[in-house]
Amino acid sequence: MLKNNGVYISSELGAFGQNLFFALTSKWRSKKVIFPIPYNVSETLPYIKEILLSGKYKPVIDREYSLDSIAEAYQYVISGQKTGSVVINV
């Protein structure tokens, strides 16, 4: 789903560990997968807020679940079928 020269920033390995494979081989591909090194939260949050408010970043939200349905949300995530973020509404 990424555009050419797109970058997917992952915080997890993927259902079958594929994100690690894609990250290791992305040097030879037009689409990249990276695992960012965590930064100080007080420095990172203002940056994230700015890019969200400016419209430079638009998250892909696959599904939303209520807190009461968190077990169902978890089952969906581990099924490997999700195509974006799964949001839990508190």
PDB file of N, CA and C in Angstrom:
ATOM      1  N   MET A   1       0.808  -1.196   0.000  1.00  0.00           N
ATOM      2  CA  MET A   1       0.000   0.000   0.000  1.00  0.00           C
ATOM      3  C   MET A   1       0.854   1.264   0.000  1.00  0.00           C
ATOM      4  N   LEU A   2       2.137   1.135   0.250  1.00  0.00           N
ATOM      5  CA  LEU A   2       3.003   2.313   0.255  1.00  0.00           C
ATOM      6  C   LEU A   2       3.254   2.809  -1.157  1.00  0.00           C
ATOM      7  N   LYS A   3       3.360   4.111  -1.272  1.00  0.00           N
ATOM      8  CA  LYS A   3       3.778   4.698  -2.543  1.00  0.00           C
ATOM      9  C   LYS A   3       5.261   4.386  -2.751  1.00  0.00           C
ATOM     10  N   ASN A   4       5.736   4.497  -3.994  1.00  0.00           N
ATOM     11  CA  ASN A   4       7.170   4.347  -4.236  1.00  0.00           C
ATOM     12  C   ASN A   4       7.911   5.376  -3.396  1.00  0.00           C
ATOM     13  N   ASN A   5       9.022   4.977  -2.845  1.00  0.00           N
ATOM     14  CA  ASN A   5       9.845   5.782  -1.935  1.00  0.00           C
ATOM     15  C   ASN A   5       9.145   6.077  -0.611  1.00  0.00           C
ATOM     16  N   GLY A   6       8.054   5.344  -0.325  1.00  0.00           N
ATOM     17  CA  GLY A   6       7.357   5.503   0.949  1.00  0.00           C
ATOM     18  C   GLY A   6       8.129   4.835   2.078  1.00  0.00           C
ATOM     19  N   VAL A   7       7.848   5.258   3.297  1.00  0.00           N
ATOM     20  CA  VAL A   7       8.514   4.710   4.475  1.00  0.00           C
ATOM     21  C   VAL A   7       7.459   4.251   5.467  1.00  0.00           C
ATOM     22  N   TYR A   8       7.566   2.999   5.898  1.00  0.00           N
ATOM     23  CA  TYR A   8       6.692   2.446   6.918  1.00  0.00           C
ATOM     24  C   TYR A   8       7.505   2.381   8.201  1.00  0.00           C
ATOM     25  N   ILE A   9       7.046   3.086   9.224  1.00  0.00           N
ATOM     26  CA  ILE A   9       7.739   3.087  10.506  1.00  0.00           C
ATOM     27  C   ILE A   9       7.026   2.086  11.400  1.00  0.00           C
ATOM     28  N   SER A  10       7.725   1.044  11.796  1.00  0.00           N
ATOM     29  CA  SER A  10       7.118  -0.044  12.549  1.00  0.00           C
ATOM     30  C   SER A  10       7.620  -0.071  13.980  1.00  0.00           C
ATOM     31  N   SER A  11       6.720  -0.403  14.882  1.00  0.00           N
ATOM     32  CA  SER A  11       7.112  -0.587  16.276  1.00  0.00           C
ATOM     33  C   SER A  11       6.995  -2.055  16.673  1.00  0.00           C
ATOM     34  N   GLU A  12       6.677  -2.913  15.684  1.00  0.00           N
ATOM     35  CA  GLU A  12       6.571  -4.336  15.970  1.00  0.00           C
ATOM     36  C   GLU A  12       7.018  -5.132  14.751  1.00  0.00           C
ATOM     37  N   LEU A  13       7.264  -6.416  14.947  1.00  0.00           N
ATOM     38  CA  LEU A  13       7.847  -7.236  13.897  1.00  0.00           C
ATOM     39  C   LEU A  13       6.865  -7.677  12.812  1.00  0.00           C
ATOM     40  N   GLY A  14       5.567  -7.574  13.064  1.00  0.00           N
ATOM     41  CA  GLY A  14       4.577  -8.073  12.111  1.00  0.00           C
ATOM     42  C   GLY A  14       4.141  -9.465  12.512  1.00  0.00           C
ATOM     43  N   ALA A  15       3.033  -9.901  11.956  1.00  0.00           N
ATOM     44  CA  ALA A  15       2.441 -11.182  12.348  1.00  0.00           C
ATOM     45  C   ALA A  15       3.405 -12.361  12.161  1.00  0.00           C
ATOM     46  N   PHE A  16       4.212 -12.330  11.132  1.00  0.00           N
ATOM     47  CA  PHE A  16       5.141 -13.427  10.843  1.00  0.00           C
ATOM     48  C   PHE A  16       6.597 -12.959  10.829  1.00  0.00           C
ATOM     49  N   GLY A  17       6.874 -11.825  11.470  1.00  0.00           N
ATOM     50  CA  GLY A  17       8.217 -11.278  11.508  1.00  0.00           C
ATOM     51  C   GLY A  17       8.637 -10.626  10.204  1.00  0.00           C
ATOM     52  N   GLN A  18       7.685 -10.393   9.313  1.00  0.00           N
ATOM     53  CA  GLN A  18       8.016  -9.866   7.992  1.00  0.00           C
ATOM     54  C   GLN A  18       8.584  -8.458   8.027  1.00  0.00           C
ATOM     55  N   ASN A  19       8.222  -7.647   9.006  1.00  0.00           N
ATOM     56  CA  ASN A  19       8.735  -6.275   9.036  1.00  0.00           C
ATOM     57  C   ASN A  19      10.248  -6.251   9.224  1.00  0.00           C
ATOM     58  N   LEU A  20      10.769  -7.178  10.014  1.00  0.00           N
ATOM     59  CA  LEU A  20      12.211  -7.266  10.191  1.00  0.00           C
ATOM     60  C   LEU A  20      12.878  -7.633   8.865  1.00  0.00           C
ATOM     61  N   PHE A  21      12.312  -8.595   8.144  1.00  0.00           N
ATOM     62  CA  PHE A  21      12.844  -8.980   6.826  1.00  0.00           C
ATOM     63  C   PHE A  21      12.806  -7.793   5.867  1.00  0.00           C
ATOM     64  N   PHE A  22      11.672  -7.086   5.815  1.00  0.00           N
ATOM     65  CA  PHE A  22      11.552  -5.933   4.919  1.00  0.00           C
ATOM     66  C   PHE A  22      12.545  -4.834   5.292  1.00  0.00           C
ATOM     67  N   ALA A  23      12.762  -4.645   6.588  1.00  0.00           N
ATOM     68  CA  ALA A  23      13.725  -3.627   7.024  1.00  0.00           C
ATOM     69  C   ALA A  23      15.136  -3.989   6.576  1.00  0.00           C
ATOM     70  N   LEU A  24      15.483  -5.261   6.699  1.00  0.00           N
ATOM     71  CA  LEU A  24      16.828  -5.702   6.320  1.00  0.00           C
ATOM     72  C   LEU A  24      17.052  -5.646   4.814  1.00  0.00           C
ATOM     73  N   THR A  25      15.983  -5.826   4.027  1.00  0.00           N
ATOM     74  CA  THR A  25      16.131  -5.842   2.565  1.00  0.00           C
ATOM     75  C   THR A  25      15.707  -4.535   1.918  1.00  0.00           C
ATOM     76  N   SER A  26      15.242  -3.553   2.694  1.00  0.00           N
ATOM     77  CA  SER A  26      14.713  -2.318   2.111  1.00  0.00           C
ATOM     78  C   SER A  26      15.800  -1.465   1.447  1.00  0.00           C
ATOM     79  N   LYS A  27      17.037  -1.768   1.714  1.00  0.00           N
ATOM     80  CA  LYS A  27      18.143  -1.048   1.080  1.00  0.00           C
ATOM     81  C   LYS A  27      18.084  -1.190  -0.449  1.00  0.00           C
ATOM     82  N   TRP A  28      17.527  -2.281  -0.920  1.00  0.00           N
ATOM     83  CA  TRP A  28      17.458  -2.557  -2.359  1.00  0.00           C
ATOM     84  C   TRP A  28      16.066  -2.342  -2.935  1.00  0.00           C
ATOM     85  N   ARG A  29      15.174  -1.742  -2.164  1.00  0.00           N
ATOM     86  CA  ARG A  29      13.795  -1.557  -2.603  1.00  0.00           C
ATOM     87  C   ARG A  29      13.423  -0.080  -2.561  1.00  0.00           C
ATOM     88  N   SER A  30      12.366   0.279  -3.303  1.00  0.00           N
ATOM     89  CA  SER A  30      11.929   1.680  -3.293  1.00  0.00           C
ATOM     90  C   SER A  30      11.068   1.991  -2.072  1.00  0.00           C
ATOM     91  N   LYS A  31      10.562   0.964  -1.403  1.00  0.00           N
ATOM     92  CA  LYS A  31       9.744   1.149  -0.201  1.00  0.00           C
ATOM     93  C   LYS A  31      10.549   0.688   1.006  1.00  0.00           C
ATOM     94  N   LYS A  32      10.515   1.468   2.066  1.00  0.00           N
ATOM     95  CA  LYS A  32      11.354   1.197   3.229  1.00  0.00           C
ATOM     96  C   LYS A  32      10.529   0.843   4.457  1.00  0.00           C
ATOM     97  N   VAL A  33      11.107   0.010   5.312  1.00  0.00           N
ATOM     98  CA  VAL A  33      10.568  -0.270   6.635  1.00  0.00           C
ATOM     99  C   VAL A  33      11.678   0.077   7.612  1.00  0.00           C
ATOM    100  N   ILE A  34      11.354   0.893   8.600  1.00  0.00           N
ATOM    101  CA  ILE A  34      12.362   1.253   9.598  1.00  0.00           C
ATOM    102  C   ILE A  34      11.804   1.037  10.999  1.00  0.00           C
ATOM    103  N   PHE A  35      12.693   0.783  11.930  1.00  0.00           N
ATOM    104  CA  PHE A  35      12.361   0.667  13.342  1.00  0.00           C
ATOM    105  C   PHE A  35      13.043   1.833  14.044  1.00  0.00           C
ATOM    106  N   PRO A  36      12.298   2.864  14.417  1.00  0.00           N
ATOM    107  CA  PRO A  36      12.929   4.049  14.995  1.00  0.00           C
ATOM    108  C   PRO A  36      13.492   3.790  16.387  1.00  0.00           C
ATOM    109  N   ILE A  37      14.565   4.486  16.686  1.00  0.00           N
ATOM    110  CA  ILE A  37      15.130   4.450  18.034  1.00  0.00           C
ATOM    111  C   ILE A  37      14.274   5.381  18.882  1.00  0.00           C
ATOM    112  N   PRO A  38      13.786   4.914  20.029  1.00  0.00           N
ATOM    113  CA  PRO A  38      12.929   5.777  20.852  1.00  0.00           C
ATOM    114  C   PRO A  38      13.648   7.045  21.305  1.00  0.00           C
ATOM    115  N   TYR A  39      12.928   8.138  21.236  1.00  0.00           N
ATOM    116  CA  TYR A  39      13.450   9.425  21.680  1.00  0.00           C
ATOM    117  C   TYR A  39      12.726   9.846  22.954  1.00  0.00           C
ATOM    118  N   ASN A  40      13.189  10.907  23.550  1.00  0.00           N
ATOM    119  CA  ASN A  40      12.574  11.463  24.736  1.00  0.00           C
ATOM    120  C   ASN A  40      11.141  11.871  24.400  1.00  0.00           C
ATOM    121  N   VAL A  41      10.174  11.398  25.156  1.00  0.00           N
ATOM    122  CA  VAL A  41       8.761  11.651  24.880  1.00  0.00           C
ATOM    123  C   VAL A  41       8.437  13.144  24.894  1.00  0.00           C
ATOM    124  N   SER A  42       9.031  13.897  25.815  1.00  0.00           N
ATOM    125  CA  SER A  42       8.726  15.331  25.893  1.00  0.00           C
ATOM    126  C   SER A  42       9.222  16.085  24.660  1.00  0.00           C
ATOM    127  N   GLU A  43      10.184  15.528  23.945  1.00  0.00           N
ATOM    128  CA  GLU A  43      10.654  16.135  22.703  1.00  0.00           C
ATOM    129  C   GLU A  43       9.859  15.624  21.492  1.00  0.00           C
ATOM    130  N   THR A  44       9.434  14.381  21.558  1.00  0.00           N
ATOM    131  CA  THR A  44       8.759  13.745  20.426  1.00  0.00           C
ATOM    132  C   THR A  44       7.303  14.169  20.285  1.00  0.00           C
ATOM    133  N   LEU A  45       6.577  14.267  21.379  1.00  0.00           N
ATOM    134  CA  LEU A  45       5.144  14.574  21.310  1.00  0.00           C
ATOM    135  C   LEU A  45       4.830  15.907  20.632  1.00  0.00           C
ATOM    136  N   PRO A  46       5.540  16.991  20.926  1.00  0.00           N
ATOM    137  CA  PRO A  46       5.256  18.242  20.202  1.00  0.00           C
ATOM    138  C   PRO A  46       5.471  18.099  18.688  1.00  0.00           C
ATOM    139  N   TYR A  47       6.488  17.344  18.290  1.00  0.00           N
ATOM    140  CA  TYR A  47       6.741  17.116  16.868  1.00  0.00           C
ATOM    141  C   TYR A  47       5.589  16.333  16.237  1.00  0.00           C
ATOM    142  N   ILE A  48       5.154  15.277  16.897  1.00  0.00           N
ATOM    143  CA  ILE A  48       4.037  14.474  16.378  1.00  0.00           C
ATOM    144  C   ILE A  48       2.776  15.325  16.283  1.00  0.00           C
ATOM    145  N   LYS A  49       2.518  16.138  17.301  1.00  0.00           N
ATOM    146  CA  LYS A  49       1.349  17.020  17.285  1.00  0.00           C
ATOM    147  C   LYS A  49       1.403  17.964  16.091  1.00  0.00           C
ATOM    148  N   GLU A  50       2.574  18.529  15.830  1.00  0.00           N
ATOM    149  CA  GLU A  50       2.721  19.487  14.730  1.00  0.00           C
ATOM    150  C   GLU A  50       2.464  18.832  13.375  1.00  0.00           C
ATOM    151  N   ILE A  51       3.011  17.641  13.137  1.00  0.00           N
ATOM    152  CA  ILE A  51       2.799  17.020  11.826  1.00  0.00           C
ATOM    153  C   ILE A  51       1.365  16.526  11.654  1.00  0.00           C
ATOM    154  N   LEU A  52       0.718  16.135  12.747  1.00  0.00           N
ATOM    155  CA  LEU A  52      -0.693  15.746  12.656  1.00  0.00           C
ATOM    156  C   LEU A  52      -1.574  16.950  12.347  1.00  0.00           C
ATOM    157  N   LEU A  53      -1.368  18.060  13.077  1.00  0.00           N
ATOM    158  CA  LEU A  53      -2.194  19.252  12.876  1.00  0.00           C
ATOM    159  C   LEU A  53      -1.962  19.897  11.513  1.00  0.00           C
ATOM    160  N   SER A  54      -0.735  19.789  10.998  1.00  0.00           N
ATOM    161  CA  SER A  54      -0.427  20.395   9.694  1.00  0.00           C
ATOM    162  C   SER A  54      -0.933  19.551   8.528  1.00  0.00           C
ATOM    163  N   GLY A  55      -1.323  18.306   8.810  1.00  0.00           N
ATOM    164  CA  GLY A  55      -1.793  17.428   7.744  1.00  0.00           C
ATOM    165  C   GLY A  55      -0.681  16.724   6.987  1.00  0.00           C
ATOM    166  N   LYS A  56       0.567  16.853   7.459  1.00  0.00           N
ATOM    167  CA  LYS A  56       1.693  16.188   6.794  1.00  0.00           C
ATOM    168  C   LYS A  56       1.658  14.677   7.013  1.00  0.00           C
ATOM    169  N   TYR A  57       0.993  14.252   8.057  1.00  0.00           N
ATOM    170  CA  TYR A  57       0.881  12.822   8.357  1.00  0.00           C
ATOM    171  C   TYR A  57      -0.581  12.485   8.580  1.00  0.00           C
ATOM    172  N   LYS A  58      -1.044  11.473   7.903  1.00  0.00           N
ATOM    173  CA  LYS A  58      -2.421  11.015   8.079  1.00  0.00           C
ATOM    174  C   LYS A  58      -2.378   9.537   8.439  1.00  0.00           C
ATOM    175  N   PRO A  59      -2.673   9.205   9.683  1.00  0.00           N
ATOM    176  CA  PRO A  59      -2.615   7.805  10.089  1.00  0.00           C
ATOM    177  C   PRO A  59      -3.691   6.984   9.380  1.00  0.00           C
ATOM    178  N   VAL A  60      -3.370   5.732   9.113  1.00  0.00           N
ATOM    179  CA  VAL A  60      -4.335   4.806   8.524  1.00  0.00           C
ATOM    180  C   VAL A  60      -4.975   4.045   9.686  1.00  0.00           C
ATOM    181  N   ILE A  61      -6.249   4.295   9.904  1.00  0.00           N
ATOM    182  CA  ILE A  61      -6.970   3.621  10.979  1.00  0.00           C
ATOM    183  C   ILE A  61      -7.845   2.549  10.354  1.00  0.00           C
ATOM    184  N   ASP A  62      -7.554   1.319  10.701  1.00  0.00           N
ATOM    185  CA  ASP A  62      -8.276   0.180  10.159  1.00  0.00           C
ATOM    186  C   ASP A  62      -9.628   0.029  10.856  1.00  0.00           C
ATOM    187  N   ARG A  63      -9.585  -0.089  12.160  1.00  0.00           N
ATOM    188  CA  ARG A  63     -10.811  -0.285  12.943  1.00  0.00           C
ATOM    189  C   ARG A  63     -10.699   0.415  14.293  1.00  0.00           C
ATOM    190  N   GLU A  64     -11.867   0.658  14.887  1.00  0.00           N
ATOM    191  CA  GLU A  64     -11.927   1.214  16.235  1.00  0.00           C
ATOM    192  C   GLU A  64     -12.774   0.283  17.097  1.00  0.00           C
ATOM    193  N   TYR A  65     -12.358   0.110  18.336  1.00  0.00           N
ATOM    194  CA  TYR A  65     -13.080  -0.734  19.292  1.00  0.00           C
ATOM    195  C   TYR A  65     -13.249   0.040  20.591  1.00  0.00           C
ATOM    196  N   SER A  66     -14.296  -0.296  21.322  1.00  0.00           N
ATOM    197  CA  SER A  66     -14.465   0.274  22.657  1.00  0.00           C
ATOM    198  C   SER A  66     -13.566  -0.495  23.618  1.00  0.00           C
ATOM    199  N   LEU A  67     -13.324   0.076  24.780  1.00  0.00           N
ATOM    200  CA  LEU A  67     -12.500  -0.592  25.780  1.00  0.00           C
ATOM    201  C   LEU A  67     -13.112  -1.928  26.187  1.00  0.00           C
ATOM    202  N   ASP A  68     -14.437  -2.005  26.195  1.00  0.00           N
ATOM    203  CA  ASP A  68     -15.120  -3.259  26.534  1.00  0.00           C
ATOM    204  C   ASP A  68     -14.847  -4.362  25.510  1.00  0.00           C
ATOM    205  N   SER A  69     -14.448  -3.995  24.305  1.00  0.00           N
ATOM    206  CA  SER A  69     -14.202  -4.966  23.234  1.00  0.00           C
ATOM    207  C   SER A  69     -12.715  -5.175  22.963  1.00  0.00           C
ATOM    208  N   ILE A  70     -11.886  -4.907  23.965  1.00  0.00           N
ATOM    209  CA  ILE A  70     -10.446  -4.976  23.738  1.00  0.00           C
ATOM    210  C   ILE A  70      -9.984  -6.387  23.395  1.00  0.00           C
ATOM    211  N   ALA A  71     -10.631  -7.415  23.936  1.00  0.00           N
ATOM    212  CA  ALA A  71     -10.248  -8.793  23.604  1.00  0.00           C
ATOM    213  C   ALA A  71     -10.508  -9.073  22.124  1.00  0.00           C
ATOM    214  N   GLU A  72     -11.625  -8.596  21.620  1.00  0.00           N
ATOM    215  CA  GLU A  72     -11.951  -8.744  20.203  1.00  0.00           C
ATOM    216  C   GLU A  72     -10.934  -7.984  19.339  1.00  0.00           C
ATOM    217  N   ALA A  73     -10.555  -6.789  19.780  1.00  0.00           N
ATOM    218  CA  ALA A  73      -9.557  -5.994  19.050  1.00  0.00           C
ATOM    219  C   ALA A  73      -8.225  -6.739  19.001  1.00  0.00           C
ATOM    220  N   TYR A  74      -7.833  -7.311  20.112  1.00  0.00           N
ATOM    221  CA  TYR A  74      -6.574  -8.053  20.171  1.00  0.00           C
ATOM    222  C   TYR A  74      -6.607  -9.245  19.219  1.00  0.00           C
ATOM    223  N   GLN A  75      -7.716  -9.973  19.224  1.00  0.00           N
ATOM    224  CA  GLN A  75      -7.848 -11.120  18.313  1.00  0.00           C
ATOM    225  C   GLN A  75      -7.730 -10.679  16.861  1.00  0.00           C
ATOM    226  N   TYR A  76      -8.315  -9.544  16.537  1.00  0.00           N
ATOM    227  CA  TYR A  76      -8.228  -9.025  15.175  1.00  0.00           C
ATOM    228  C   TYR A  76      -6.781  -8.674  14.815  1.00  0.00           C
ATOM    229  N   VAL A  77      -6.080  -8.030  15.730  1.00  0.00           N
ATOM    230  CA  VAL A  77      -4.692  -7.636  15.470  1.00  0.00           C
ATOM    231  C   VAL A  77      -3.809  -8.866  15.248  1.00  0.00           C
ATOM    232  N   ILE A  78      -3.923  -9.869  16.108  1.00  0.00           N
ATOM    233  CA  ILE A  78      -3.044 -11.036  15.973  1.00  0.00           C
ATOM    234  C   ILE A  78      -3.451 -11.936  14.815  1.00  0.00           C
ATOM    235  N   SER A  79      -4.620 -11.689  14.223  1.00  0.00           N
ATOM    236  CA  SER A  79      -5.039 -12.488  13.067  1.00  0.00           C
ATOM    237  C   SER A  79      -4.204 -12.183  11.830  1.00  0.00           C
ATOM    238  N   GLY A  80      -3.501 -11.042  11.846  1.00  0.00           N
ATOM    239  CA  GLY A  80      -2.693 -10.653  10.705  1.00  0.00           C
ATOM    240  C   GLY A  80      -3.491 -10.004   9.580  1.00  0.00           C
ATOM    241  N   GLN A  81      -4.755  -9.707   9.828  1.00  0.00           N
ATOM    242  CA  GLN A  81      -5.632  -9.152   8.788  1.00  0.00           C
ATOM    243  C   GLN A  81      -5.678  -7.631   8.789  1.00  0.00           C
ATOM    244  N   LYS A  82      -5.160  -6.984   9.818  1.00  0.00           N
ATOM    245  CA  LYS A  82      -5.292  -5.529   9.889  1.00  0.00           C
ATOM    246  C   LYS A  82      -4.454  -4.841   8.817  1.00  0.00           C
ATOM    247  N   THR A  83      -4.952  -3.715   8.343  1.00  0.00           N
ATOM    248  CA  THR A  83      -4.262  -2.967   7.293  1.00  0.00           C
ATOM    249  C   THR A  83      -3.913  -1.552   7.752  1.00  0.00           C
ATOM    250  N   GLY A  84      -4.072  -1.280   9.005  1.00  0.00           N
ATOM    251  CA  GLY A  84      -3.750   0.017   9.577  1.00  0.00           C
ATOM    252  C   GLY A  84      -3.762  -0.120  11.088  1.00  0.00           C
ATOM    253  N   SER A  85      -3.820   1.005  11.759  1.00  0.00           N
ATOM    254  CA  SER A  85      -3.851   0.982  13.213  1.00  0.00           C
ATOM    255  C   SER A  85      -5.223   0.560  13.713  1.00  0.00           C
ATOM    256  N   VAL A  86      -5.220  -0.091  14.853  1.00  0.00           N
ATOM    257  CA  VAL A  86      -6.466  -0.445  15.540  1.00  0.00           C
ATOM    258  C   VAL A  86      -6.525   0.443  16.773  1.00  0.00           C
ATOM    259  N   VAL A  87      -7.598   1.208  16.872  1.00  0.00           N
ATOM    260  CA  VAL A  87      -7.748   2.205  17.929  1.00  0.00           C
ATOM    261  C   VAL A  87      -8.691   1.686  19.004  1.00  0.00           C
ATOM    262  N   ILE A  88      -8.301   1.871  20.267  1.00  0.00           N
ATOM    263  CA  ILE A  88      -9.166   1.549  21.398  1.00  0.00           C
ATOM    264  C   ILE A  88      -9.683   2.862  21.960  1.00  0.00           C
ATOM    265  N   ASN A  89     -10.990   3.054  21.895  1.00  0.00           N
ATOM    266  CA  ASN A  89     -11.621   4.256  22.429  1.00  0.00           C
ATOM    267  C   ASN A  89     -11.894   4.063  23.914  1.00  0.00           C
ATOM    268  N   VAL A  90     -11.305   4.923  24.720  1.00  0.00           N
ATOM    269  CA  VAL A  90     -11.449   4.841  26.173  1.00  0.00           C
ATOM    270  C   VAL A  90     -12.559   5.757  26.617  1.00  0.00           C
TER     271      VAL A  90
END
